[in-house]
Amino acid sequence: MKIIISPPVERTPSRKNALFSSMNYNPLTQTLTTSSGRMIKRMHCPYRLSAEDLDPGSRCRQCDRTLLDAHSLPEEALADLLVKKPDTCLKLDLDHPLLRITHEHP
């Protein structure tokens, strides 16, 4: 009997996953939006946090709110979740290949 194991698929920044499209982050307005312009969240935290304070999938050590990695869900699912749970804190990776930084004025 032969067992053929295919090599893992390598994901590169230029190759987009069909479920995950790029989100937009505007540092001037601190807003995170879907690629179609739907508001996801205004990114604001009153605490000065370090990377050690953030543990995605659990709770923030400062405010005890749920902490979610913004890149863990498709953008529309993330937007829908935050409508239901607006107090959810997000961890946003500004170097993520599917995050587009914009500087458009409102």
N, C-alpha and C. Protein backbone atom coordinates (compact mmCIF):
# COMPACT_ATOMS: atom_id res chain seq x y z
N MET A 1 0.84 -1.16 0.00
CA MET A 1 0.00 0.00 0.00
C MET A 1 0.90 1.24 0.00
N LYS A 2 0.55 2.20 -0.85
CA LYS A 2 1.29 3.46 -0.91
C LYS A 2 0.50 4.54 -0.20
N ILE A 3 1.18 5.32 0.58
CA ILE A 3 0.57 6.49 1.22
C ILE A 3 1.25 7.71 0.65
N ILE A 4 0.45 8.56 0.07
CA ILE A 4 0.99 9.79 -0.53
C ILE A 4 0.59 10.95 0.36
N ILE A 5 1.56 11.66 0.81
CA ILE A 5 1.30 12.84 1.64
C ILE A 5 1.67 14.06 0.82
N SER A 6 0.69 14.89 0.61
CA SER A 6 0.98 16.10 -0.16
C SER A 6 1.60 17.14 0.76
N PRO A 7 2.49 17.95 0.22
CA PRO A 7 3.12 18.97 1.06
C PRO A 7 2.10 20.03 1.46
N PRO A 8 2.32 20.69 2.59
CA PRO A 8 1.38 21.72 3.01
C PRO A 8 1.38 22.87 2.00
N VAL A 9 0.23 23.50 1.88
CA VAL A 9 0.12 24.65 0.98
C VAL A 9 0.75 25.85 1.67
N GLU A 10 1.66 26.48 0.99
CA GLU A 10 2.33 27.65 1.56
C GLU A 10 1.48 28.88 1.26
N ARG A 11 1.18 29.64 2.29
CA ARG A 11 0.39 30.85 2.10
C ARG A 11 1.32 32.04 2.02
N THR A 12 1.12 32.83 1.01
CA THR A 12 1.93 34.02 0.82
C THR A 12 1.03 35.24 0.88
N PRO A 13 1.57 36.41 1.23
CA PRO A 13 0.74 37.61 1.33
C PRO A 13 0.03 37.97 0.03
N SER A 14 0.59 37.61 -1.12
CA SER A 14 -0.02 37.98 -2.38
C SER A 14 -1.18 37.06 -2.75
N ARG A 15 -1.32 35.95 -2.06
CA ARG A 15 -2.37 34.99 -2.36
C ARG A 15 -3.47 35.12 -1.31
N LYS A 16 -4.62 35.66 -1.68
CA LYS A 16 -5.68 35.90 -0.71
C LYS A 16 -6.55 34.67 -0.54
N ASN A 17 -6.93 34.43 0.70
CA ASN A 17 -7.88 33.38 1.02
C ASN A 17 -9.25 33.88 0.61
N ALA A 18 -10.05 33.04 -0.01
CA ALA A 18 -11.36 33.46 -0.51
C ALA A 18 -12.28 33.94 0.61
N LEU A 19 -12.12 33.41 1.82
CA LEU A 19 -12.98 33.81 2.92
C LEU A 19 -12.53 35.11 3.57
N PHE A 20 -11.27 35.43 3.46
CA PHE A 20 -10.73 36.60 4.13
C PHE A 20 -10.33 37.65 3.09
N SER A 21 -11.05 38.75 3.06
CA SER A 21 -10.66 39.83 2.19
C SER A 21 -10.03 40.92 3.05
N SER A 22 -9.41 41.87 2.42
CA SER A 22 -8.66 42.85 3.19
C SER A 22 -9.58 43.82 3.92
N MET A 23 -9.21 44.13 5.15
CA MET A 23 -9.89 45.15 5.94
C MET A 23 -9.11 46.44 5.77
N ASN A 24 -9.73 47.55 6.09
CA ASN A 24 -9.09 48.85 6.00
C ASN A 24 -8.97 49.45 7.40
N TYR A 25 -7.79 50.01 7.69
CA TYR A 25 -7.60 50.71 8.95
C TYR A 25 -7.13 52.11 8.66
N ASN A 26 -7.82 53.10 9.22
CA ASN A 26 -7.46 54.49 9.05
C ASN A 26 -6.91 55.00 10.38
N PRO A 27 -5.59 55.23 10.48
CA PRO A 27 -5.02 55.71 11.75
C PRO A 27 -5.45 57.13 12.11
N LEU A 28 -5.88 57.92 11.13
CA LEU A 28 -6.34 59.28 11.42
C LEU A 28 -7.66 59.28 12.19
N THR A 29 -8.55 58.37 11.82
CA THR A 29 -9.85 58.28 12.48
C THR A 29 -9.92 57.10 13.43
N GLN A 30 -8.89 56.26 13.43
CA GLN A 30 -8.79 55.05 14.25
C GLN A 30 -9.96 54.10 13.98
N THR A 31 -10.37 54.01 12.71
CA THR A 31 -11.49 53.15 12.37
C THR A 31 -11.02 51.95 11.55
N LEU A 32 -11.66 50.83 11.84
CA LEU A 32 -11.44 49.59 11.10
C LEU A 32 -12.72 49.32 10.33
N THR A 33 -12.60 49.17 9.00
CA THR A 33 -13.77 48.95 8.16
C THR A 33 -13.54 47.73 7.26
N THR A 34 -14.65 47.21 6.73
CA THR A 34 -14.54 46.11 5.78
C THR A 34 -14.05 46.68 4.45
N SER A 35 -13.71 45.80 3.53
CA SER A 35 -13.26 46.26 2.21
C SER A 35 -14.36 47.01 1.47
N SER A 36 -15.63 46.78 1.86
CA SER A 36 -16.74 47.49 1.22
C SER A 36 -17.09 48.79 1.95
N GLY A 37 -16.39 49.09 3.05
CA GLY A 37 -16.60 50.34 3.76
C GLY A 37 -17.48 50.24 5.00
N ARG A 38 -17.96 49.06 5.33
CA ARG A 38 -18.79 48.88 6.52
C ARG A 38 -17.94 49.03 7.77
N MET A 39 -18.41 49.81 8.71
CA MET A 39 -17.69 50.04 9.97
C MET A 39 -17.62 48.75 10.77
N ILE A 40 -16.42 48.42 11.22
CA ILE A 40 -16.24 47.29 12.12
C ILE A 40 -16.11 47.80 13.54
N LYS A 41 -15.15 48.71 13.76
CA LYS A 41 -14.93 49.24 15.11
C LYS A 41 -14.03 50.46 15.06
N ARG A 42 -14.28 51.38 15.99
CA ARG A 42 -13.33 52.46 16.22
C ARG A 42 -12.32 51.92 17.22
N MET A 43 -11.06 51.93 16.84
CA MET A 43 -10.01 51.33 17.65
C MET A 43 -9.52 52.37 18.67
N HIS A 44 -9.98 52.21 19.89
CA HIS A 44 -9.56 53.11 20.95
C HIS A 44 -9.44 52.33 22.25
N CYS A 45 -8.35 52.52 22.92
CA CYS A 45 -8.15 51.89 24.22
C CYS A 45 -7.57 52.93 25.17
N PRO A 46 -8.19 53.12 26.34
CA PRO A 46 -7.69 54.11 27.28
C PRO A 46 -6.45 53.65 28.05
N TYR A 47 -6.09 52.39 27.91
CA TYR A 47 -4.96 51.84 28.65
C TYR A 47 -3.71 51.82 27.78
N ARG A 48 -2.57 51.98 28.38
CA ARG A 48 -1.29 51.83 27.69
C ARG A 48 -0.89 50.38 27.83
N LEU A 49 -1.12 49.61 26.79
CA LEU A 49 -0.89 48.17 26.87
C LEU A 49 0.38 47.78 26.14
N SER A 50 0.99 46.75 26.65
CA SER A 50 2.15 46.16 25.97
C SER A 50 1.70 44.82 25.38
N ALA A 51 2.56 44.20 24.60
CA ALA A 51 2.23 42.92 23.99
C ALA A 51 1.92 41.86 25.05
N GLU A 52 2.54 41.97 26.22
CA GLU A 52 2.32 41.00 27.29
C GLU A 52 0.90 41.10 27.87
N ASP A 53 0.28 42.28 27.73
CA ASP A 53 -1.08 42.46 28.24
C ASP A 53 -2.12 41.85 27.31
N LEU A 54 -1.72 41.50 26.11
CA LEU A 54 -2.66 41.01 25.11
C LEU A 54 -2.48 39.52 24.89
N ASP A 55 -3.53 38.79 25.12
CA ASP A 55 -3.52 37.35 24.91
C ASP A 55 -4.77 36.99 24.12
N PRO A 56 -4.70 37.06 22.76
CA PRO A 56 -5.90 36.81 21.95
C PRO A 56 -6.58 35.50 22.34
N GLY A 57 -7.91 35.56 22.37
CA GLY A 57 -8.68 34.38 22.72
C GLY A 57 -9.03 34.34 24.19
N SER A 58 -8.57 35.33 24.95
CA SER A 58 -8.92 35.33 26.37
C SER A 58 -9.43 36.71 26.76
N ARG A 59 -8.93 37.23 27.85
CA ARG A 59 -9.41 38.52 28.34
C ARG A 59 -8.23 39.47 28.53
N CYS A 60 -8.54 40.75 28.37
CA CYS A 60 -7.53 41.79 28.59
C CYS A 60 -7.20 41.83 30.08
N ARG A 61 -5.93 41.95 30.39
CA ARG A 61 -5.51 41.97 31.79
C ARG A 61 -5.82 43.30 32.47
N GLN A 62 -6.12 44.34 31.69
CA GLN A 62 -6.41 45.65 32.26
C GLN A 62 -7.90 45.87 32.51
N CYS A 63 -8.73 45.54 31.51
CA CYS A 63 -10.16 45.85 31.62
C CYS A 63 -11.03 44.61 31.76
N ASP A 64 -10.45 43.42 31.64
CA ASP A 64 -11.15 42.14 31.79
C ASP A 64 -12.20 41.90 30.71
N ARG A 65 -12.08 42.58 29.56
CA ARG A 65 -12.98 42.33 28.44
C ARG A 65 -12.41 41.23 27.56
N THR A 66 -13.28 40.63 26.76
CA THR A 66 -12.85 39.62 25.80
C THR A 66 -11.92 40.25 24.78
N LEU A 67 -10.82 39.57 24.48
CA LEU A 67 -9.85 40.05 23.51
C LEU A 67 -9.85 39.10 22.32
N LEU A 68 -10.02 39.65 21.12
CA LEU A 68 -10.13 38.86 19.91
C LEU A 68 -9.13 39.35 18.87
N ASP A 69 -8.46 38.43 18.23
CA ASP A 69 -7.56 38.78 17.13
C ASP A 69 -8.43 39.19 15.95
N ALA A 70 -8.30 40.42 15.47
CA ALA A 70 -9.13 40.94 14.39
C ALA A 70 -8.97 40.15 13.09
N HIS A 71 -7.88 39.43 12.96
CA HIS A 71 -7.62 38.69 11.72
C HIS A 71 -8.05 37.24 11.82
N SER A 72 -8.74 36.87 12.90
CA SER A 72 -9.13 35.48 13.08
C SER A 72 -10.46 35.13 12.43
N LEU A 73 -11.21 36.13 12.00
CA LEU A 73 -12.52 35.91 11.39
C LEU A 73 -12.61 36.66 10.06
N PRO A 74 -13.46 36.19 9.15
CA PRO A 74 -13.72 36.99 7.95
C PRO A 74 -14.30 38.34 8.36
N GLU A 75 -14.03 39.36 7.58
CA GLU A 75 -14.38 40.73 7.97
C GLU A 75 -15.87 40.92 8.25
N GLU A 76 -16.75 40.35 7.47
CA GLU A 76 -18.19 40.51 7.70
C GLU A 76 -18.63 39.80 8.98
N ALA A 77 -18.06 38.64 9.25
CA ALA A 77 -18.38 37.92 10.49
C ALA A 77 -17.89 38.73 11.70
N LEU A 78 -16.73 39.36 11.57
CA LEU A 78 -16.20 40.19 12.64
C LEU A 78 -17.12 41.39 12.88
N ALA A 79 -17.55 42.04 11.81
CA ALA A 79 -18.46 43.18 11.93
C ALA A 79 -19.77 42.76 12.59
N ASP A 80 -20.32 41.61 12.18
CA ASP A 80 -21.57 41.10 12.78
C ASP A 80 -21.39 40.80 14.26
N LEU A 81 -20.26 40.21 14.63
CA LEU A 81 -19.98 39.89 16.02
C LEU A 81 -19.91 41.16 16.87
N LEU A 82 -19.29 42.20 16.34
CA LEU A 82 -19.13 43.43 17.12
C LEU A 82 -20.42 44.23 17.22
N VAL A 83 -21.39 43.96 16.35
CA VAL A 83 -22.71 44.56 16.52
C VAL A 83 -23.36 43.94 17.76
N LYS A 84 -23.17 42.63 17.93
CA LYS A 84 -23.75 41.92 19.06
C LYS A 84 -22.98 42.16 20.36
N LYS A 85 -21.64 42.27 20.24
CA LYS A 85 -20.77 42.44 21.42
C LYS A 85 -19.82 43.62 21.19
N PRO A 86 -20.34 44.85 21.25
CA PRO A 86 -19.51 46.02 20.94
C PRO A 86 -18.36 46.27 21.91
N ASP A 87 -18.41 45.68 23.10
CA ASP A 87 -17.35 45.89 24.08
C ASP A 87 -16.16 44.96 23.88
N THR A 88 -16.20 44.13 22.84
CA THR A 88 -15.09 43.23 22.56
C THR A 88 -13.87 44.05 22.15
N CYS A 89 -12.75 43.75 22.75
CA CYS A 89 -11.49 44.42 22.39
C CYS A 89 -10.83 43.63 21.25
N LEU A 90 -10.20 44.36 20.34
CA LEU A 90 -9.55 43.73 19.20
C LEU A 90 -8.04 43.92 19.25
N LYS A 91 -7.34 42.88 18.85
CA LYS A 91 -5.90 42.98 18.61
C LYS A 91 -5.75 43.10 17.09
N LEU A 92 -5.10 44.16 16.65
CA LEU A 92 -4.94 44.44 15.23
C LEU A 92 -3.46 44.42 14.88
N ASP A 93 -3.09 43.61 13.92
CA ASP A 93 -1.70 43.51 13.45
C ASP A 93 -1.54 44.43 12.25
N LEU A 94 -0.87 45.56 12.44
CA LEU A 94 -0.72 46.54 11.36
C LEU A 94 0.15 46.03 10.22
N ASP A 95 0.89 44.96 10.44
CA ASP A 95 1.72 44.38 9.38
C ASP A 95 1.05 43.19 8.69
N HIS A 96 -0.19 42.91 9.04
CA HIS A 96 -0.90 41.77 8.44
C HIS A 96 -1.06 42.00 6.93
N PRO A 97 -0.80 40.98 6.11
CA PRO A 97 -0.87 41.16 4.65
C PRO A 97 -2.26 41.48 4.12
N LEU A 98 -3.32 41.20 4.90
CA LEU A 98 -4.67 41.51 4.43
C LEU A 98 -5.25 42.74 5.10
N LEU A 99 -4.40 43.60 5.64
CA LEU A 99 -4.85 44.86 6.24
C LEU A 99 -4.34 46.01 5.37
N ARG A 100 -5.25 46.82 4.93
CA ARG A 100 -4.89 47.98 4.09
C ARG A 100 -4.95 49.23 4.96
N ILE A 101 -3.84 49.96 5.05
CA ILE A 101 -3.80 51.20 5.81
C ILE A 101 -4.22 52.33 4.88
N THR A 102 -5.22 53.10 5.31
CA THR A 102 -5.70 54.23 4.51
C THR A 102 -5.49 55.51 5.31
N HIS A 103 -5.48 56.62 4.60
CA HIS A 103 -5.35 57.93 5.26
C HIS A 103 -6.37 58.88 4.71
N GLU A 104 -7.58 58.39 4.49
CA GLU A 104 -8.64 59.22 3.94
C GLU A 104 -9.31 60.00 5.05
N HIS A 105 -9.57 61.27 4.81
CA HIS A 105 -10.27 62.08 5.78
C HIS A 105 -11.76 61.81 5.66
N PRO A 106 -12.46 61.84 6.77
CA PRO A 106 -13.90 61.56 6.74
C PRO A 106 -14.68 62.63 5.97
